[in-house]
Protein backbone atom coordinates (compact mmCIF):
# COMPACT_ATOMS: atom_id res chain seq x y z
CA MET A 1 -1.26 -21.88 5.41
CA ILE A 2 -2.56 -18.85 8.30
CA ARG A 3 -3.59 -15.80 6.28
CA PRO A 4 -4.51 -12.47 7.59
CA VAL A 5 -8.29 -12.14 8.66
CA LEU A 6 -10.72 -10.29 6.53
CA ARG A 7 -12.82 -7.87 7.76
CA THR A 8 -15.95 -6.17 6.17
CA ARG A 9 -18.50 -3.73 6.36
CA LYS A 10 -21.77 -4.15 4.17
CA GLY A 11 -23.30 -1.63 2.17
CA THR A 12 -25.85 -0.95 0.18
CA ARG A 13 -24.40 -0.85 -3.07
CA PRO A 14 -23.03 -3.04 -4.90
CA GLU A 15 -19.18 -1.95 -5.03
CA THR A 16 -16.74 -3.01 -2.91
CA ALA A 17 -13.38 -1.63 -1.73
CA LEU A 18 -10.86 -3.36 -0.65
CA PHE A 19 -7.92 -1.96 1.12
CA VAL A 20 -4.15 -3.39 1.28
CA HIS A 21 -2.03 -0.83 4.07
CA GLY A 22 1.92 -0.26 3.74
CA THR A 23 4.33 -0.41 5.76
CA MET A 24 4.21 1.15 9.39
CA ASP A 25 1.00 0.88 9.27
CA HIS A 26 -2.44 -1.50 9.68
CA SER A 27 -5.91 -1.50 7.79
CA ALA A 28 -7.43 0.81 10.33
CA THR A 29 -6.33 3.75 9.21
CA PHE A 30 -8.48 3.59 6.01
CA GLN A 31 -11.11 3.57 7.85
CA ARG A 32 -11.34 7.65 7.32
CA VAL A 33 -11.41 6.92 3.56
CA ALA A 34 -13.96 4.08 3.63
CA ALA A 35 -16.28 6.63 5.97
CA HIS A 36 -16.27 8.46 2.66
CA LEU A 37 -17.81 5.08 0.77
CA PRO A 38 -20.81 4.80 3.09
CA ARG A 39 -22.67 2.68 0.77
CA TRP A 40 -20.16 0.86 -0.43
CA THR A 41 -19.00 -2.27 1.02
CA VAL A 42 -15.51 -2.16 2.29
CA ALA A 43 -12.82 -4.76 3.37
CA GLY A 44 -9.32 -4.82 4.77
CA TYR A 45 -7.02 -6.83 6.41
CA ASP A 46 -3.44 -6.55 8.57
CA ARG A 47 -0.73 -7.39 6.09
CA ARG A 48 1.15 -10.32 7.73
CA GLY A 49 3.93 -8.62 10.63
CA TRP A 50 1.78 -6.09 11.81
CA GLY A 51 -1.15 -5.25 13.60
CA THR A 52 -3.54 -7.46 14.41
CA SER A 53 -1.60 -10.47 12.16
CA ARG A 54 1.97 -9.43 13.63
CA ALA A 55 2.24 -13.11 14.61
CA LEU A 56 1.95 -14.18 10.94
CA ALA A 57 5.06 -12.40 9.84
CA ASP A 58 8.71 -14.87 9.79
CA PRO A 59 12.23 -13.65 8.53
CA GLN A 60 10.91 -15.87 5.29
CA THR A 61 8.29 -13.42 4.81
CA LYS A 62 8.68 -11.95 0.79
CA LEU A 63 6.94 -10.08 -1.35
CA ALA A 64 5.09 -12.61 -3.25
CA ASP A 65 3.62 -13.63 0.51
CA HIS A 66 1.54 -10.63 0.61
CA VAL A 67 0.69 -11.03 -2.96
CA THR A 68 -0.52 -14.43 -2.49
CA ASP A 69 -2.47 -13.16 0.71
CA LEU A 70 -4.48 -10.62 -1.44
CA ILE A 71 -5.50 -12.61 -4.26
CA SER A 72 -6.81 -14.84 -1.48
CA ALA A 73 -8.41 -11.86 -0.04
CA ALA A 74 -9.98 -10.54 -3.20
CA SER A 75 -11.15 -13.78 -4.29
CA ARG A 76 -13.54 -13.72 -0.77
CA LEU A 77 -15.27 -10.46 -2.62
CA PRO A 78 -17.56 -9.50 -5.01
CA ARG A 79 -14.31 -8.12 -7.86
CA PRO A 80 -13.28 -5.21 -5.81
CA VAL A 81 -11.88 -1.82 -6.36
CA VAL A 82 -8.21 -3.07 -4.76
CA ALA A 83 -7.02 0.73 -3.55
CA GLY A 84 -3.36 -0.30 -2.10
CA HIS A 85 -0.96 2.18 -0.29
CA SER A 86 2.74 2.86 -0.41
CA TYR A 87 4.02 -0.82 0.25
CA GLY A 88 0.25 -1.96 0.02
CA ALA A 89 0.28 -0.14 -3.73
CA LEU A 90 3.28 -2.44 -5.00
CA VAL A 91 1.52 -5.73 -4.11
CA ALA A 92 -1.67 -4.37 -5.51
CA LEU A 93 -0.09 -3.93 -8.51
CA THR A 94 2.13 -6.90 -8.53
CA ALA A 95 -1.04 -8.93 -7.96
CA ALA A 96 -2.68 -7.05 -11.21
CA ALA A 97 0.39 -8.03 -13.24
CA GLN A 98 -0.23 -11.96 -11.84
CA GLN A 99 -4.07 -11.91 -11.91
CA PRO A 100 -5.98 -9.37 -13.85
CA ARG A 101 -8.87 -9.98 -13.10
CA PHE A 102 -8.08 -10.36 -9.37
CA ALA A 103 -9.57 -6.63 -8.75
CA ARG A 104 -12.15 -4.76 -10.48
CA ALA A 105 -9.75 -2.10 -11.00
CA VAL A 106 -6.42 -0.79 -8.55
CA VAL A 107 -5.92 2.30 -7.38
CA LEU A 108 -2.31 2.96 -6.33
CA PHE A 109 -0.76 5.79 -4.27
CA GLU A 110 2.90 6.11 -3.92
CA PRO A 111 3.74 2.27 -4.58
CA PRO A 112 7.83 1.83 -4.16
CA VAL A 113 8.53 -0.22 -7.72
CA CYS A 114 12.17 0.55 -6.99
CA TRP A 115 13.42 -1.41 -10.58
CA LEU A 116 12.06 1.32 -11.87
CA PRO A 117 14.85 3.24 -12.83
CA TRP A 118 12.49 6.48 -11.46
CA TRP A 119 13.69 5.29 -8.08
CA PRO A 120 16.85 6.58 -7.13
CA ASP A 121 19.46 3.42 -5.96
CA THR A 122 19.43 4.76 -2.31
CA ALA A 123 16.55 6.16 -1.53
CA PRO A 124 16.25 8.91 1.63
CA TRP A 125 13.60 6.64 3.87
CA GLU A 126 15.26 3.78 2.98
CA GLN A 127 19.45 5.18 4.25
CA LEU A 128 17.21 6.23 6.81
CA VAL A 129 16.25 2.90 7.95
CA GLU A 130 19.43 1.81 7.14
CA ASP A 131 21.19 4.22 9.46
CA ALA A 132 19.27 3.97 12.52
CA SER A 133 18.44 0.55 12.20
CA ALA A 134 22.29 -0.03 13.29
CA GLN A 135 20.92 1.20 17.27
CA GLY A 136 17.75 -1.12 16.90
CA PRO A 137 14.86 -1.84 15.40
CA ALA A 138 13.27 0.36 17.76
CA ALA A 139 15.54 3.05 16.33
CA ALA A 140 14.66 2.38 12.93
CA ALA A 141 11.04 2.71 13.46
CA ARG A 142 10.85 5.15 15.57
CA ALA A 143 12.71 7.77 12.47
CA LEU A 144 11.09 6.80 9.80
CA GLN A 145 7.53 7.57 11.90
CA GLU A 146 9.25 10.97 12.70
CA ALA A 147 10.46 11.44 8.33
CA VAL A 148 6.78 10.30 7.65
CA VAL A 149 4.18 12.06 9.96
CA GLY A 150 6.80 14.06 11.38
CA ARG A 151 6.42 12.73 15.24
CA PRO A 152 6.39 9.00 17.24
CA THR A 153 3.13 8.05 17.43
CA PRO A 154 1.55 8.35 20.31
CA GLY A 155 1.25 6.07 23.91
CA GLN A 156 3.23 3.21 21.68
CA THR A 157 4.82 1.16 24.27
CA ASP A 158 8.27 0.23 23.68
CA GLU A 159 7.78 -3.48 22.81
CA GLU A 160 5.75 -2.27 19.49
CA LEU A 161 8.20 -0.22 18.68
CA GLU A 162 10.67 -2.68 18.91
CA ALA A 163 7.82 -4.96 16.74
CA ALA A 164 7.72 -2.63 14.39
CA GLY A 165 11.19 -1.78 13.88
CA THR A 166 11.66 -5.41 12.99
CA ALA A 167 9.14 -5.77 10.71
CA LEU A 168 10.17 -2.45 9.25
CA ILE A 169 13.21 -3.29 8.28
CA GLN A 170 12.04 -6.92 7.01
CA GLU A 171 10.16 -5.36 4.74
CA MET A 172 12.73 -2.82 3.27
CA THR A 173 15.44 -5.75 2.97
CA ASP A 174 13.97 -7.74 1.32
CA PRO A 175 15.31 -8.92 -1.78
CA THR A 176 12.90 -9.74 -3.89
CA LEU A 177 12.08 -5.80 -4.36
CA ASN A 178 15.17 -5.32 -6.21
CA ILE A 179 14.10 -7.67 -9.04
CA PRO A 180 11.88 -6.42 -11.55
CA THR A 181 8.79 -9.20 -11.26
CA PHE A 182 6.54 -7.87 -13.74
CA ASP A 183 5.91 -5.78 -17.17
CA PRO A 184 3.92 -3.06 -16.81
CA THR A 185 3.33 -2.23 -20.02
CA THR A 186 1.66 -5.49 -19.58
CA VAL A 187 -0.92 -5.17 -16.98
CA THR A 188 -4.18 -4.79 -18.48
CA THR A 189 -6.11 -4.30 -15.10
CA PRO A 190 -7.56 -0.40 -14.55
CA VAL A 191 -5.64 1.73 -12.93
CA ILE A 192 -5.39 5.26 -11.01
CA THR A 193 -1.41 5.39 -9.76
CA ALA A 194 -1.55 8.77 -7.13
CA SER A 195 0.93 10.99 -5.94
CA GLY A 196 0.54 14.17 -3.10
CA SER A 197 1.90 17.17 -4.62
CA ARG A 198 4.27 17.40 -1.31
CA SER A 199 5.53 13.96 -1.24
CA LEU A 200 9.34 13.24 -2.32
CA THR A 201 10.20 13.05 -5.79
CA HIS A 202 10.96 9.87 -6.63
CA HIS A 203 7.72 8.85 -4.71
CA ARG A 204 6.11 11.48 -7.62
CA GLN A 205 7.70 10.52 -10.82
CA THR A 206 7.37 6.68 -10.51
CA ALA A 207 3.39 7.22 -9.66
CA ARG A 208 3.14 8.94 -13.01
CA HIS A 209 5.72 7.13 -15.35
CA LEU A 210 3.81 4.12 -13.96
CA ALA A 211 0.42 5.47 -15.41
CA ASN A 212 2.29 6.10 -18.45
CA LEU A 213 3.11 2.59 -18.54
CA ILE A 214 0.20 0.87 -18.09
CA PRO A 215 -2.48 0.49 -20.58
CA ALA A 216 -5.14 1.23 -18.39
CA GLY A 217 -3.23 4.20 -16.52
CA HIS A 218 -4.32 6.66 -15.64
CA HIS A 219 -3.19 9.19 -12.51
CA ALA A 220 -4.15 11.62 -10.09
CA SER A 221 -2.52 13.73 -8.18
CA ILE A 222 -4.08 15.11 -4.51
CA ASP A 223 -3.01 18.96 -3.93
CA GLY A 224 -1.28 19.12 -0.43
CA ALA A 225 -1.16 15.67 0.51
CA GLY A 226 2.52 14.06 1.28
CA HIS A 227 2.68 9.96 1.57
CA ILE A 228 0.63 9.15 4.27
CA ALA A 229 -2.96 11.08 2.33
CA HIS A 230 -5.58 8.21 3.34
CA VAL A 231 -4.77 9.79 6.83
CA THR A 232 -4.39 13.87 5.83
CA HIS A 233 -6.79 13.20 2.97
CA PRO A 234 -9.02 10.59 2.59
CA GLN A 235 -12.27 11.97 0.93
CA ASP A 236 -9.73 12.45 -1.91
CA LEU A 237 -8.18 9.27 -1.65
CA ALA A 238 -12.31 7.70 -1.54
CA ALA A 239 -12.94 10.03 -5.14
CA LEU A 240 -10.11 8.03 -6.27
CA VAL A 241 -11.91 4.78 -5.26
CA GLU A 242 -15.60 5.91 -6.88
CA GLN A 243 -13.32 7.01 -10.03
CA ALA A 244 -11.68 4.03 -10.41
CA ALA A 245 -15.26 2.04 -10.27
CA ALA A 246 -15.93 4.42 -13.42
CA LEU A 247 -12.90 2.90 -15.49
CA ASN A 248 -14.30 -0.43 -15.56
CA GLY A 249 -17.81 0.07 -16.44
CA GLY A 250 -19.22 0.37 -13.36
């Protein structure tokens, strides 16, 4: 099976970070975080359905496929600190639950663990996408961009918007997202969950409660940040990556 291409920048120190992007995103947005880890080896890849891996997704692609891709990518690196954003954080957390030693530690920024009790039955952004998708995938993508970022992505073509919307709807309607696939109390990988002080309430609650449930869990709040902290507060997220390495004796 063809999997996403891992892109790596070599550093001068032994630490390695692997970034996993969220929905409606791609790996290049983590370059701002990587800039604050100048001596680390940093790696990332575009998940199936996004960026350069758009064509790798199909209607049967599920969370489990993204988890398999991440574990495969991590196996090609010297036990990285894995940092995931949003859906990418859910992928990283599920991977840690399945294979505790796949990563040295993980940083999870606002993972959408929909089956936990602190997640609303109908979350605002999920409802927004569901309503907008009646007008087509492009409308769904545009609605979420405006809700999360405050504006459409500059220079995005109609074709790109349509493709993004198709991948967005597929990820948000994946029925396996609502099925408990692991017990947070059994996750042994060191974990930092993080949330922004300006993020939606259920995002902040889920991140805090996950840190309490995971035995080696810690929570951090990034002051002034919303959901896209890797873009707006990259230095803070880079600091969490360094803290995560220290949790495991780095």
